[in-house]
Amino acid sequence: MKNLSLLALAALAGTSMAQNFKGYQMDFVPANKTQFKEVKGVMEFTGRMHARPNQVVTWQRMGLTEFGAQMKREAAVAKIQDIEAGYIEPIDVYIINVPKGMNENQLAKQLMKTGLYEYVEPDYMVYPQFTPNDPSLGSQWSHTNNNSTNAWDICRGNSAVKIGITDTGVHCGTTGANGHEDLKTRRVLGGNSATATTLANVKTEAALGSSIVKDLNGHGTHCTGIAAATGNNGLGIAGVSLEGISHMMCRVSDSSGGGSSFTALTLGALYCASQGARVVSTSYSGFSQSVIGTTGTTMKNTYNAVWCYAAGNDGGTYGAAFDWPDVTIVAAIDSGSNLAGFSARGVAIDLSAPGVTIFSTWWASDTVVNTYANLDGTSMATPYAAGVASMILAVNPGYTAQRVQDILYKSCNLQAAGSASTGWGRVNLWNAMGRKANTVTLDTGQVVSGVVADLWRIEGNELVVKPFIVANSSIPPVQVVTEHDATVYSANNYSEIAIMTKCRLIGASGAMTQNLQIWNFTSGAWENVGSGSVSNTFFEAVKTVNSGNVTNYISAGKIRSRVQFVPGPLSNANWSIGIDQINQRALRATE
């Protein structure tokens, strides 16, 4: 009866509504999307598919009442209830079995003909996107390429920020606590979505122990190290986050080959986000599947998380039909910033990151904790981009996922060759995090302690500034002027200049206002960009610029900013300001 009911689906379609909806479907996916193919070792059929009913809001936009729209959705669910194998609730996607006597293309065609579904696509088995390279000692050219050492002068990481890696597992050692020397310090408990069919039945390390997240072939350990290996510890390598962001593993495969279904991948990403990961990295093939775009939107809008996904190593070109606005698709470049020959490319790609001869942590066995290896692939580029995103959050944890994505994209370096194939260009950690000042000027009559160099490190060291108070006089404001190097910027291609601070009031309680200002070189005057209270948290003010006025604020390779601290009613006149950070960034206007 199950087979019979499915074969009759086409006859049950509401023809007028299906015809009306057809145009929307063709805008969402290419015309040949239902001609699914499998490539052994890359994307293989599993006998399962993903079906997403048209959303209620979509039907309402087409003129149906809320009741009518709900009825359409219920009809879509009813048609697949006999073959349902699971449900990914956060993205409203049903996992369905392909009935005996049918194949993936036949089932997709019949269901899509009803006009009741946004998409019906195979739940492919996909694989990690890497190519083994020389496993001997190598160098981390990627940090030179992306100005990491300058960026680390601004911030060396923030353990409160969590990155999720969905992969083959991570080196946990024999007990879970004695894993790889460069990873164990910042590792937090993860999960396993390899056999899950709902978010609720993702296995948790907290309940079942580290065996469910142990690496199966090394790929996951390598990817984790790229983003989050602990640096400045006298061992091995440095991840993008240097001294630390927290990292969690959701293992998406129970096979030594690392193969994973899209169900496992999407549930793994959603699990990480639901557990507080603000950035998630997935180094597998198949980003072109519609479920990837749907999942990315839910992760951003529901969980406030950024999802980075590998472009793939097929060398193919992917057009606008696969350009998911809420997923960051990452291509691979070599040390010369050239697009790697194996990397996918095209309009659907958002940016590129180092992905050739990438040296990182490796798993050889549970008992060897100091192994490293070089690998190639968009698998390597993806955690690098995710690491940059996590460091944007390390500087300002209050940013939304959309803000992080904007900064990640607009801080990229344009690639002279092939930039149209790599979206915004090459990630640049220094641009993304901001730039430390070349010079710091204080008002006369101010008392200063601390080291100016410490002003740019978010580690508790401070430049402490206080007014020189004369008896019976009003308390003057403290003013700190900084100049930032803008010589790498193109002065005619920016949409914003942001000034960022982290300061605290010392020796008193009460109100203290900080005014963030930028110098207009044309008018010769300070302009207020934004004001806020001093509260020992990150504060940002943004100056919107365009090609017509940006040269007012960038002159002779410099941007000049000022922070003015204005006291309100305070409990003690003998106050001072502890300044942990003042920096700025300029972001590009267009792709």
Protein backbone atom coordinates (compact mmCIF):
# COMPACT_ATOMS: atom_id res chain seq x y z
CA MET A 1 0.00 0.00 0.00
CA LYS A 2 2.88 2.38 0.64
CA ASN A 3 4.16 1.97 -2.90
CA LEU A 4 0.70 2.32 -4.38
CA SER A 5 -0.04 5.53 -2.52
CA LEU A 6 3.23 7.07 -3.68
CA LEU A 7 2.68 6.12 -7.31
CA ALA A 8 -0.65 7.90 -7.17
CA LEU A 9 0.78 11.15 -5.82
CA ALA A 10 0.94 12.91 -9.18
CA ALA A 11 -2.76 12.37 -9.77
CA LEU A 12 -3.58 13.94 -6.41
CA ALA A 13 -1.80 17.25 -7.12
CA GLY A 14 -3.75 20.51 -7.12
CA THR A 15 -2.86 21.55 -10.67
CA SER A 16 -3.56 25.28 -10.58
CA MET A 17 -1.65 25.84 -7.35
CA ALA A 18 1.20 23.63 -8.53
CA GLN A 19 1.48 25.69 -11.71
CA ASN A 20 1.47 28.94 -9.75
CA PHE A 21 4.17 27.67 -7.43
CA LYS A 22 6.35 26.26 -10.20
CA GLY A 23 7.99 29.59 -10.94
CA TYR A 24 9.02 30.00 -7.31
CA GLN A 25 10.52 26.52 -7.29
CA MET A 26 12.51 27.20 -10.42
CA ASP A 27 13.87 30.40 -8.90
CA PHE A 28 14.95 28.49 -5.81
CA VAL A 29 16.62 25.53 -7.51
CA PRO A 30 17.89 24.93 -11.08
CA ALA A 31 15.71 23.11 -13.60
CA ASN A 32 17.86 19.97 -13.51
CA LYS A 33 17.77 19.74 -9.72
CA THR A 34 15.53 16.66 -9.84
CA GLN A 35 18.03 14.85 -12.07
CA PHE A 36 20.08 13.73 -9.12
CA LYS A 37 23.28 11.82 -9.68
CA GLU A 38 25.74 10.14 -7.39
CA VAL A 39 29.52 10.16 -7.60
CA LYS A 40 31.19 7.35 -5.72
CA GLY A 41 33.39 8.62 -2.93
CA VAL A 42 32.02 12.14 -3.24
CA MET A 43 28.20 12.15 -3.03
CA GLU A 44 26.43 8.80 -2.80
CA PHE A 45 22.74 7.89 -2.50
CA THR A 46 21.66 6.57 0.90
CA GLY A 47 18.08 5.50 0.13
CA ARG A 48 16.82 8.52 2.10
CA MET A 49 15.71 11.98 1.03
CA HIS A 50 14.90 15.36 2.54
CA ALA A 51 11.47 16.88 1.93
CA ARG A 52 10.62 20.41 3.07
CA PRO A 53 6.96 21.41 2.81
CA ASN A 54 6.20 24.82 1.41
CA GLN A 55 6.09 27.17 4.38
CA VAL A 56 2.80 28.60 5.61
CA VAL A 57 4.04 32.12 4.94
CA THR A 58 4.77 31.18 1.33
CA TRP A 59 1.20 30.01 0.76
CA GLN A 60 -0.12 33.17 2.39
CA ARG A 61 1.94 35.30 0.04
CA MET A 62 0.21 33.47 -2.79
CA GLY A 63 -3.20 34.52 -1.50
CA LEU A 64 -4.27 31.69 0.78
CA THR A 65 -5.76 32.34 4.20
CA GLU A 66 -3.84 31.12 7.24
CA PHE A 67 -6.26 28.20 7.52
CA GLY A 68 -5.82 27.32 3.86
CA ALA A 69 -2.05 27.55 4.16
CA GLN A 70 -2.05 25.25 7.18
CA MET A 71 -4.18 22.75 5.28
CA LYS A 72 -1.65 22.72 2.45
CA ARG A 73 1.16 22.04 4.86
CA GLU A 74 -0.79 19.25 6.56
CA ALA A 75 -1.46 17.71 3.16
CA ALA A 76 2.29 17.73 2.41
CA VAL A 77 3.04 15.98 5.71
CA ALA A 78 0.27 13.43 5.22
CA LYS A 79 1.60 12.38 1.81
CA ILE A 80 4.93 11.30 3.26
CA GLN A 81 3.92 9.97 6.65
CA ASP A 82 4.21 6.31 5.60
CA ILE A 83 7.83 6.77 4.53
CA GLU A 84 8.93 9.24 7.19
CA ALA A 85 12.22 8.28 8.89
CA GLY A 86 12.83 11.41 10.98
CA TYR A 87 12.19 15.11 11.34
CA ILE A 88 14.64 18.00 11.67
CA GLU A 89 12.31 20.34 13.51
CA PRO A 90 14.36 23.56 13.59
CA ILE A 91 14.40 23.68 9.78
CA ASP A 92 11.06 21.88 9.14
CA VAL A 93 12.67 19.15 7.01
CA TYR A 94 11.38 15.56 6.93
CA ILE A 95 13.71 12.61 6.38
CA ILE A 96 11.97 10.08 4.14
CA ASN A 97 12.86 6.64 2.82
CA VAL A 98 12.86 5.90 -0.91
CA PRO A 99 10.28 3.10 -1.34
CA LYS A 100 11.23 -0.18 -2.89
CA GLY A 101 10.77 -0.07 -6.67
CA MET A 102 11.47 3.68 -6.91
CA ASN A 103 14.63 5.74 -7.13
CA GLU A 104 15.51 9.20 -5.86
CA ASN A 105 14.64 11.00 -9.06
CA GLN A 106 11.27 9.32 -9.41
CA LEU A 107 10.27 10.09 -5.84
CA ALA A 108 11.43 13.71 -6.05
CA LYS A 109 9.58 14.23 -9.33
CA GLN A 110 6.30 12.85 -8.01
CA LEU A 111 6.41 14.78 -4.77
CA MET A 112 7.43 18.05 -6.41
CA LYS A 113 4.61 17.70 -8.94
CA THR A 114 2.10 18.09 -6.14
CA GLY A 115 3.25 21.67 -5.59
CA LEU A 116 3.30 21.03 -1.86
CA TYR A 117 7.05 21.02 -1.29
CA GLU A 118 9.81 23.60 -1.38
CA TYR A 119 12.33 20.91 -2.24
CA VAL A 120 12.81 17.14 -2.21
CA GLU A 121 16.45 16.13 -2.45
CA PRO A 122 18.64 13.11 -1.64
CA ASP A 123 20.10 12.78 1.82
CA TYR A 124 23.46 12.07 0.23
CA MET A 125 26.40 10.44 1.89
CA VAL A 126 29.23 12.99 1.53
CA TYR A 127 32.88 13.01 2.49
CA PRO A 128 35.54 15.27 4.02
CA GLN A 129 37.11 17.63 1.49
CA PHE A 130 40.84 17.13 1.83
CA THR A 131 43.83 15.70 -0.04
CA PRO A 132 46.68 14.10 1.92
CA ASN A 133 49.94 16.05 1.71
CA ASP A 134 53.46 15.53 3.07
CA PRO A 135 52.98 14.75 6.78
CA SER A 136 56.45 16.06 7.69
CA LEU A 137 57.07 19.21 9.67
CA GLY A 138 55.83 22.30 7.85
CA SER A 139 55.31 25.99 8.40
CA GLN A 140 52.11 27.93 8.89
CA TRP A 141 52.35 30.28 5.92
CA SER A 142 48.67 31.07 6.38
CA HIS A 143 49.38 33.29 9.40
CA THR A 144 51.85 35.39 7.43
CA ASN A 145 49.43 35.58 4.52
CA ASN A 146 46.66 36.90 6.75
CA ASN A 147 48.58 39.26 9.07
CA SER A 148 47.75 37.07 12.06
CA THR A 149 50.62 38.29 14.23
CA ASN A 150 49.45 41.89 13.92
CA ALA A 151 45.90 40.81 14.68
CA TRP A 152 47.05 38.98 17.80
CA ASP A 153 48.36 42.29 19.10
CA ILE A 154 44.70 43.30 19.30
CA CYS A 155 43.30 40.07 20.70
CA ARG A 156 44.70 36.63 21.43
CA GLY A 157 41.38 34.89 21.80
CA ASN A 158 38.47 34.67 24.18
CA SER A 159 37.55 31.38 25.85
CA ALA A 160 33.96 32.62 26.29
CA VAL A 161 33.52 32.29 22.52
CA LYS A 162 32.76 28.76 21.35
CA ILE A 163 33.32 27.32 17.88
CA GLY A 164 31.67 24.08 16.77
CA ILE A 165 33.41 21.66 14.39
CA THR A 166 31.22 19.04 12.67
CA ASP A 167 33.62 16.38 11.49
CA THR A 168 35.15 12.92 11.97
CA GLY A 169 35.91 13.56 15.63
CA VAL A 170 38.75 15.11 17.61
CA HIS A 171 41.81 13.74 19.38
CA CYS A 172 40.57 13.01 22.92
CA GLY A 173 43.32 10.66 24.04
CA THR A 174 42.37 7.58 26.02
CA THR A 175 40.34 9.33 28.70
CA GLY A 176 38.90 12.40 26.99
CA ALA A 177 41.12 14.72 29.01
CA ASN A 178 44.55 13.65 27.69
CA GLY A 179 44.04 14.45 24.02
CA HIS A 180 46.27 16.29 21.58
CA GLU A 181 48.74 18.63 23.28
CA ASP A 182 47.55 21.65 21.28
CA LEU A 183 43.80 20.99 21.64
CA LYS A 184 43.03 19.63 25.11
CA THR A 185 43.19 22.93 26.99
CA ARG A 186 40.22 24.60 25.31
CA ARG A 187 38.13 21.56 24.36
CA VAL A 188 34.56 21.46 25.69
CA LEU A 189 32.08 18.59 25.63
CA GLY A 190 30.48 17.82 22.29
CA GLY A 191 28.11 15.35 20.65
CA ASN A 192 27.53 12.81 17.89
CA SER A 193 24.85 13.18 15.21
CA ALA A 194 25.96 10.29 12.97
CA THR A 195 22.77 8.26 13.47
CA ALA A 196 20.43 11.01 14.69
CA THR A 197 17.13 11.68 12.94
CA THR A 198 16.00 14.50 15.22
CA LEU A 199 17.83 17.19 17.18
CA ALA A 200 16.62 15.58 20.40
CA ASN A 201 18.39 12.28 19.73
CA VAL A 202 21.84 13.68 18.99
CA LYS A 203 24.12 11.77 21.37
CA THR A 204 25.90 13.88 23.97
CA GLU A 205 29.41 13.47 25.31
CA ALA A 206 28.16 14.56 28.72
CA ALA A 207 25.96 11.46 28.88
CA LEU A 208 28.02 8.89 26.99
CA GLY A 209 31.64 9.92 27.37
CA SER A 210 34.41 10.91 24.98
CA SER A 211 34.27 7.72 22.91
CA ILE A 212 31.47 9.20 20.78
CA VAL A 213 33.60 12.18 19.70
CA LYS A 214 36.99 10.47 19.30
CA ASP A 215 38.55 10.96 15.89
CA LEU A 216 38.19 8.16 13.37
CA ASN A 217 40.74 9.20 10.75
CA GLY A 218 42.46 12.49 11.62
CA HIS A 219 40.47 14.90 9.49
CA GLY A 220 38.47 16.38 12.36
CA THR A 221 41.57 16.86 14.52
CA HIS A 222 43.29 18.65 11.65
CA CYS A 223 40.35 21.00 11.08
CA THR A 224 40.00 21.74 14.78
CA GLY A 225 43.66 22.70 15.06
CA ILE A 226 43.44 25.17 12.19
CA ALA A 227 40.75 27.15 13.96
CA ALA A 228 41.49 26.61 17.61
CA ALA A 229 44.87 25.06 18.43
CA THR A 230 46.33 26.72 21.53
CA GLY A 231 49.27 28.94 20.58
CA ASN A 232 51.95 30.70 22.58
CA ASN A 233 52.42 27.53 24.65
CA GLY A 234 55.79 26.36 23.37
CA LEU A 235 54.19 23.43 21.53
CA GLY A 236 53.36 22.59 17.93
CA ILE A 237 51.28 25.19 16.12
CA ALA A 238 49.01 28.17 16.64
CA GLY A 239 45.38 28.15 15.58
CA VAL A 240 43.74 31.26 14.21
CA SER A 241 42.57 32.04 17.75
CA LEU A 242 46.12 31.80 19.22
CA GLU A 243 45.59 31.60 22.99
CA GLY A 244 42.09 30.42 22.91
CA ILE A 245 38.55 30.10 21.87
CA SER A 246 36.67 27.09 23.18
CA HIS A 247 36.04 24.34 20.65
CA MET A 248 33.49 21.55 20.61
CA MET A 249 33.24 18.57 18.30
CA CYS A 250 30.03 17.10 16.97
CA ARG A 251 31.09 13.92 15.23
CA VAL A 252 28.97 13.37 12.13
CA SER A 253 30.28 9.96 11.11
CA ASP A 254 30.84 6.58 12.74
CA SER A 255 32.87 5.34 9.76
CA SER A 256 36.65 5.36 9.50
CA GLY A 257 36.24 6.81 6.01
CA GLY A 258 34.42 9.81 7.45
CA GLY A 259 31.32 9.55 5.24
CA SER A 260 28.31 11.45 6.56
CA SER A 261 24.74 12.10 5.48
CA PHE A 262 23.23 15.55 5.14
CA THR A 263 20.92 14.64 8.00
CA ALA A 264 23.92 14.10 10.26
CA LEU A 265 25.65 17.25 9.00
CA THR A 266 22.68 19.56 9.46
CA LEU A 267 21.75 18.10 12.84
CA GLY A 268 25.40 18.36 13.91
CA ALA A 269 25.56 22.03 12.96
CA LEU A 270 22.24 22.75 14.66
CA TYR A 271 23.37 20.87 17.77
CA CYS A 272 26.55 22.93 18.05
CA ALA A 273 24.60 26.15 17.64
CA SER A 274 21.99 25.05 20.18
CA GLN A 275 24.82 24.42 22.67
CA GLY A 276 26.15 27.96 22.36
CA ALA A 277 28.61 27.72 19.47
CA ARG A 278 28.54 31.15 17.79
CA VAL A 279 30.48 29.82 14.78
CA VAL A 280 30.24 26.36 13.20
CA SER A 281 32.63 24.88 10.62
CA THR A 282 31.69 22.01 8.27
CA SER A 283 34.35 20.62 5.92
CA TYR A 284 32.30 18.30 3.73
CA SER A 285 31.13 18.28 0.12
CA GLY A 286 27.65 19.05 -1.14
CA PHE A 287 27.00 22.67 -0.19
CA SER A 288 24.68 22.97 -3.21
CA GLN A 289 21.90 21.04 -1.46
CA SER A 290 18.92 23.21 -0.51
CA VAL A 291 18.92 21.85 3.05
CA ILE A 292 22.26 23.63 3.59
CA GLY A 293 20.69 27.00 2.80
CA THR A 294 17.67 26.28 5.00
CA THR A 295 19.86 25.21 7.91
CA GLY A 296 22.07 28.28 7.62
CA THR A 297 19.07 30.60 7.86
CA THR A 298 17.81 28.87 11.00
CA MET A 299 21.25 28.91 12.57
CA LYS A 300 21.60 32.64 11.98
CA ASN A 301 18.07 33.71 12.88
CA THR A 302 17.28 31.27 15.70
CA TYR A 303 20.69 30.55 17.24
CA ASN A 304 22.65 33.70 16.28
CA ALA A 305 25.38 31.52 14.78
CA VAL A 306 27.57 31.82 11.67
CA TRP A 307 27.96 28.67 9.54
CA CYS A 308 31.04 28.18 7.36
CA TYR A 309 30.84 25.34 4.81
CA ALA A 310 33.45 23.99 2.39
CA ALA A 311 33.11 24.87 -1.29
CA GLY A 312 34.33 21.40 -2.27
CA ASN A 313 37.29 20.01 -4.18
CA ASP A 314 35.63 19.22 -7.50
CA GLY A 315 36.95 22.32 -9.28
CA GLY A 316 33.40 23.04 -10.42
CA THR A 317 31.73 26.39 -11.01
CA TYR A 318 28.57 27.11 -9.00
CA GLY A 319 26.13 29.82 -9.98
CA ALA A 320 23.61 32.03 -8.22
CA ALA A 321 21.13 29.17 -7.68
CA PHE A 322 23.44 27.90 -4.92
CA ASP A 323 24.29 31.26 -3.35
CA TRP A 324 22.86 30.77 0.15
CA PRO A 325 22.72 34.19 1.88
CA ASP A 326 23.07 32.73 5.38
CA VAL A 327 25.89 30.24 4.80
CA THR A 328 29.52 31.24 4.24
CA ILE A 329 30.89 29.06 1.43
CA VAL A 330 34.69 28.92 1.54
CA ALA A 331 37.08 28.31 -1.38
CA ALA A 332 40.77 27.42 -1.00
CA ILE A 333 43.82 29.47 -1.99
CA ASP A 334 47.55 28.78 -1.98
CA SER A 335 50.35 30.79 -0.39
CA GLY A 336 50.38 33.15 -3.37
CA SER A 337 46.68 33.94 -2.84
CA ASN A 338 45.84 32.04 -6.04
CA LEU A 339 42.67 29.99 -6.19
CA ALA A 340 43.61 26.34 -5.73
CA GLY A 341 43.10 24.27 -8.86
CA PHE A 342 40.95 21.75 -7.02
CA SER A 343 38.69 24.34 -5.36
CA ALA A 344 35.12 24.99 -6.42
CA ARG A 345 34.46 28.55 -7.61
CA GLY A 346 31.77 30.86 -8.93
CA VAL A 347 29.09 33.27 -7.77
CA ALA A 348 28.00 30.92 -4.99
CA ILE A 349 31.40 31.22 -3.27
CA ASP A 350 31.55 33.88 -0.54
CA LEU A 351 35.27 34.10 0.22
CA SER A 352 38.53 32.19 0.23
CA ALA A 353 41.04 31.11 2.88
CA PRO A 354 44.33 29.19 3.01
CA GLY A 355 43.82 25.62 1.86
CA VAL A 356 47.07 24.33 0.34
CA THR A 357 49.84 22.73 2.40
CA ILE A 358 48.14 23.59 5.69
CA PHE A 359 50.03 22.36 8.74
CA SER A 360 47.87 21.40 11.70
CA THR A 361 47.21 18.93 14.49
CA TRP A 362 46.73 15.27 13.56
CA TRP A 363 45.36 12.07 15.05
CA ALA A 364 47.42 8.93 14.50
CA SER A 365 46.33 7.05 17.61
CA ASP A 366 44.74 7.83 20.95
CA THR A 367 48.07 7.46 22.75
CA VAL A 368 50.22 9.74 20.55
CA VAL A 369 49.38 13.34 21.42
CA ASN A 370 51.94 15.37 19.46
CA THR A 371 51.40 14.46 15.81
CA TYR A 372 51.05 17.10 13.07
CA ALA A 373 50.47 16.94 9.31
CA ASN A 374 50.07 18.98 6.13
CA LEU A 375 46.83 18.64 4.16
CA ASP A 376 45.25 20.37 1.16
CA GLY A 377 41.59 21.12 0.59
CA THR A 378 38.64 23.39 1.09
CA SER A 379 38.32 21.34 4.28
CA MET A 380 41.32 23.29 5.57
CA ALA A 381 40.13 26.66 4.29
CA THR A 382 36.77 26.39 6.04
CA PRO A 383 37.96 26.20 9.68
CA TYR A 384 40.41 29.00 8.90
CA ALA A 385 37.54 31.28 7.86
CA ALA A 386 35.52 30.07 10.84
CA GLY A 387 38.46 30.90 13.09
CA VAL A 388 38.50 34.46 11.76
CA ALA A 389 34.77 34.74 12.46
CA SER A 390 35.33 33.52 16.02
CA MET A 391 38.04 36.12 16.55
CA ILE A 392 35.68 38.88 15.44
CA LEU A 393 33.46 37.69 18.28
CA ALA A 394 36.43 37.48 20.63
CA VAL A 395 36.90 41.23 20.19
CA ASN A 396 33.19 41.93 20.55
CA PRO A 397 31.06 39.01 21.83
CA GLY A 398 27.92 41.14 21.54
CA TYR A 399 27.92 41.16 17.75
CA THR A 400 25.02 39.45 16.00
CA ALA A 401 25.69 36.68 13.51
CA GLN A 402 24.75 39.06 10.71
CA ARG A 403 27.25 41.65 11.94
CA VAL A 404 29.99 39.02 12.16
CA GLN A 405 29.23 37.82 8.63
CA ASP A 406 29.29 41.39 7.30
CA ILE A 407 32.68 42.07 8.90
CA LEU A 408 34.06 38.70 7.76
CA TYR A 409 33.12 39.48 4.15
CA LYS A 410 33.92 43.18 3.97
CA SER A 411 37.32 42.84 5.63
CA CYS A 412 38.58 40.46 2.92
CA ASN A 413 41.41 41.38 0.58
CA LEU A 414 40.38 41.49 -3.05
CA GLN A 415 42.20 38.92 -5.14
CA ALA A 416 43.58 40.41 -8.32
CA ALA A 417 43.28 37.13 -10.19
CA GLY A 418 40.01 35.24 -10.15
CA SER A 419 38.26 37.48 -7.62
CA ALA A 420 34.95 36.88 -9.37
CA SER A 421 35.36 33.21 -8.50
CA THR A 422 35.98 33.77 -4.82
CA GLY A 423 33.34 36.28 -3.78
CA TRP A 424 34.62 38.97 -1.46
CA GLY A 425 38.20 37.70 -1.68
CA ARG A 426 40.75 36.37 0.82
CA VAL A 427 40.06 36.52 4.55
CA ASN A 428 42.30 38.87 6.50
CA LEU A 429 42.37 38.42 10.26
CA TRP A 430 43.94 41.82 10.91
CA ASN A 431 41.38 43.68 8.84
CA ALA A 432 38.55 41.73 10.45
CA MET A 433 39.59 42.42 14.02
CA GLY A 434 40.68 46.03 13.58
CA ARG A 435 44.02 47.80 13.70
CA LYS A 436 46.08 48.96 16.60
CA ALA A 437 47.09 52.61 16.76
CA ASN A 438 50.47 53.81 15.53
CA THR A 439 50.44 56.72 17.97
CA VAL A 440 48.59 57.61 21.17
CA THR A 441 48.27 61.22 22.35
CA LEU A 442 46.95 62.27 25.76
CA ASP A 443 45.74 65.67 26.90
CA THR A 444 48.15 67.69 28.98
CA GLY A 445 47.34 67.62 32.67
CA GLN A 446 46.61 63.90 32.67
CA VAL A 447 48.34 61.33 34.84
CA VAL A 448 49.22 58.07 33.09
CA SER A 449 50.34 54.66 34.29
CA GLY A 450 50.66 51.34 32.50
CA VAL A 451 52.30 50.61 29.18
CA VAL A 452 50.88 52.04 25.97
CA ALA A 453 51.70 48.82 24.12
CA ASP A 454 49.34 46.93 26.42
CA LEU A 455 46.44 49.06 25.21
CA TRP A 456 45.85 46.67 22.30
CA ARG A 457 45.82 43.36 24.11
CA ILE A 458 42.57 42.12 25.60
CA GLU A 459 44.14 40.33 28.53
CA GLY A 460 43.56 42.54 31.56
CA ASN A 461 46.56 44.83 31.04
CA GLU A 462 45.53 48.45 30.87
CA LEU A 463 46.62 51.96 30.17
CA VAL A 464 45.33 53.89 33.17
CA VAL A 465 44.59 57.60 32.63
CA LYS A 466 43.26 60.12 35.15
CA PRO A 467 42.77 63.90 35.12
CA PHE A 468 45.13 66.16 36.96
CA ILE A 469 42.68 67.82 39.37
CA VAL A 470 43.23 71.34 40.68
CA ALA A 471 41.50 72.23 43.97
CA ASN A 472 38.03 73.80 43.57
CA SER A 473 38.06 73.28 39.79
CA SER A 474 35.61 71.25 37.75
CA ILE A 475 36.74 67.76 36.77
CA PRO A 476 38.03 67.90 33.18
CA PRO A 477 37.32 65.19 30.62
CA VAL A 478 40.01 62.71 29.68
CA GLN A 479 40.76 62.68 25.97
CA VAL A 480 42.79 60.00 24.19
CA VAL A 481 43.65 60.53 20.52
CA THR A 482 44.83 57.59 18.39
CA GLU A 483 46.10 57.36 14.82
CA HIS A 484 45.70 54.13 12.90
CA ASP A 485 47.56 52.90 9.86
CA ALA A 486 45.29 52.93 6.80
CA THR A 487 47.95 52.58 4.12
CA VAL A 488 46.58 49.21 3.02
CA TYR A 489 43.13 50.65 2.49
CA SER A 490 41.77 51.82 -0.84
CA ALA A 491 40.32 55.20 0.08
CA ASN A 492 37.43 55.08 -2.38
CA ASN A 493 35.80 51.73 -1.63
CA TYR A 494 34.44 51.75 1.91
CA SER A 495 31.04 51.74 3.51
CA GLU A 496 32.01 52.26 7.15
CA ILE A 497 34.76 53.08 9.61
CA ALA A 498 34.25 51.56 13.05
CA ILE A 499 35.90 52.66 16.31
CA MET A 500 35.97 50.08 19.13
CA THR A 501 36.81 50.46 22.80
CA LYS A 502 36.88 48.45 26.01
CA CYS A 503 37.30 50.61 29.14
CA ARG A 504 36.37 50.69 32.81
CA LEU A 505 35.90 53.28 35.54
CA ILE A 506 38.37 52.93 38.45
CA GLY A 507 38.13 54.35 41.97
CA ALA A 508 34.56 55.58 41.82
CA SER A 509 31.02 54.58 40.98
CA GLY A 510 28.50 56.53 38.97
CA ALA A 511 28.08 57.77 35.41
CA MET A 512 30.92 58.06 32.91
CA THR A 513 30.22 58.70 29.23
CA GLN A 514 32.57 57.87 26.38
CA ASN A 515 32.26 59.84 23.14
CA LEU A 516 33.84 58.11 20.15
CA GLN A 517 34.90 60.66 17.54
CA ILE A 518 36.63 60.75 14.15
CA TRP A 519 38.75 63.54 12.70
CA ASN A 520 37.56 65.20 9.49
CA PHE A 521 40.76 66.12 7.68
CA THR A 522 38.86 68.36 5.26
CA SER A 523 37.00 70.48 7.79
CA GLY A 524 39.68 70.21 10.46
CA ALA A 525 37.21 69.23 13.17
CA TRP A 526 36.19 66.28 15.33
CA GLU A 527 32.88 64.59 14.50
CA ASN A 528 31.02 62.54 17.09
CA VAL A 529 30.32 59.01 15.84
CA GLY A 530 28.63 57.54 18.90
CA SER A 531 28.33 57.78 22.67
CA GLY A 532 27.86 55.18 25.38
CA SER A 533 28.52 54.47 29.02
CA VAL A 534 31.84 53.16 30.32
CA SER A 535 31.02 49.68 31.65
CA ASN A 536 34.03 47.38 31.07
CA THR A 537 32.35 45.91 27.99
CA PHE A 538 33.07 46.31 24.31
CA PHE A 539 31.59 49.40 22.69
CA GLU A 540 31.53 50.22 18.99
CA ALA A 541 30.51 53.29 17.00
CA VAL A 542 30.26 53.23 13.22
CA LYS A 543 30.78 56.10 10.78
CA THR A 544 29.02 55.49 7.46
CA VAL A 545 31.10 56.63 4.51
CA ASN A 546 30.97 56.45 0.73
CA SER A 547 33.18 57.22 -2.26
CA GLY A 548 32.19 60.87 -2.06
CA ASN A 549 33.30 61.56 1.50
CA VAL A 550 35.68 58.80 2.59
CA THR A 551 38.76 60.93 1.82
CA ASN A 552 37.60 63.32 4.56
CA TYR A 553 38.46 60.60 7.07
CA ILE A 554 41.39 58.75 5.47
CA SER A 555 44.30 61.02 4.69
CA ALA A 556 47.96 60.27 4.00
CA GLY A 557 47.36 56.68 5.00
CA LYS A 558 45.96 57.56 8.43
CA ILE A 559 42.65 57.44 10.27
CA ARG A 560 42.51 59.57 13.43
CA SER A 561 40.04 58.82 16.21
CA ARG A 562 39.42 60.18 19.69
CA VAL A 563 37.78 58.83 22.81
CA GLN A 564 36.52 61.50 25.18
CA PHE A 565 35.59 60.43 28.71
CA VAL A 566 33.12 62.82 30.32
CA PRO A 567 32.28 62.32 34.02
CA GLY A 568 28.77 62.58 35.37
CA PRO A 569 27.80 62.36 39.04
CA LEU A 570 30.52 60.24 40.67
CA SER A 571 31.00 58.95 44.19
CA ASN A 572 34.63 60.04 44.28
CA ALA A 573 36.46 62.85 42.49
CA ASN A 574 39.68 60.85 42.49
CA TRP A 575 38.74 58.62 39.55
CA SER A 576 40.65 57.17 36.62
CA ILE A 577 39.94 55.25 33.42
CA GLY A 578 41.41 51.84 32.64
CA ILE A 579 41.69 51.46 28.85
CA ASP A 580 42.03 47.90 27.62
CA GLN A 581 41.51 48.56 23.93
CA ILE A 582 41.00 51.26 21.33
CA ASN A 583 41.13 50.17 17.71
CA GLN A 584 39.35 50.71 14.42
CA ARG A 585 38.47 48.92 11.22
CA ALA A 586 37.39 50.08 7.79
CA LEU A 587 35.10 47.77 5.83
CA ARG A 588 34.66 47.51 2.09
CA ALA A 589 31.51 48.76 0.43
CA THR A 590 30.90 46.21 -2.31
CA GLU A 591 31.72 42.72 -3.41
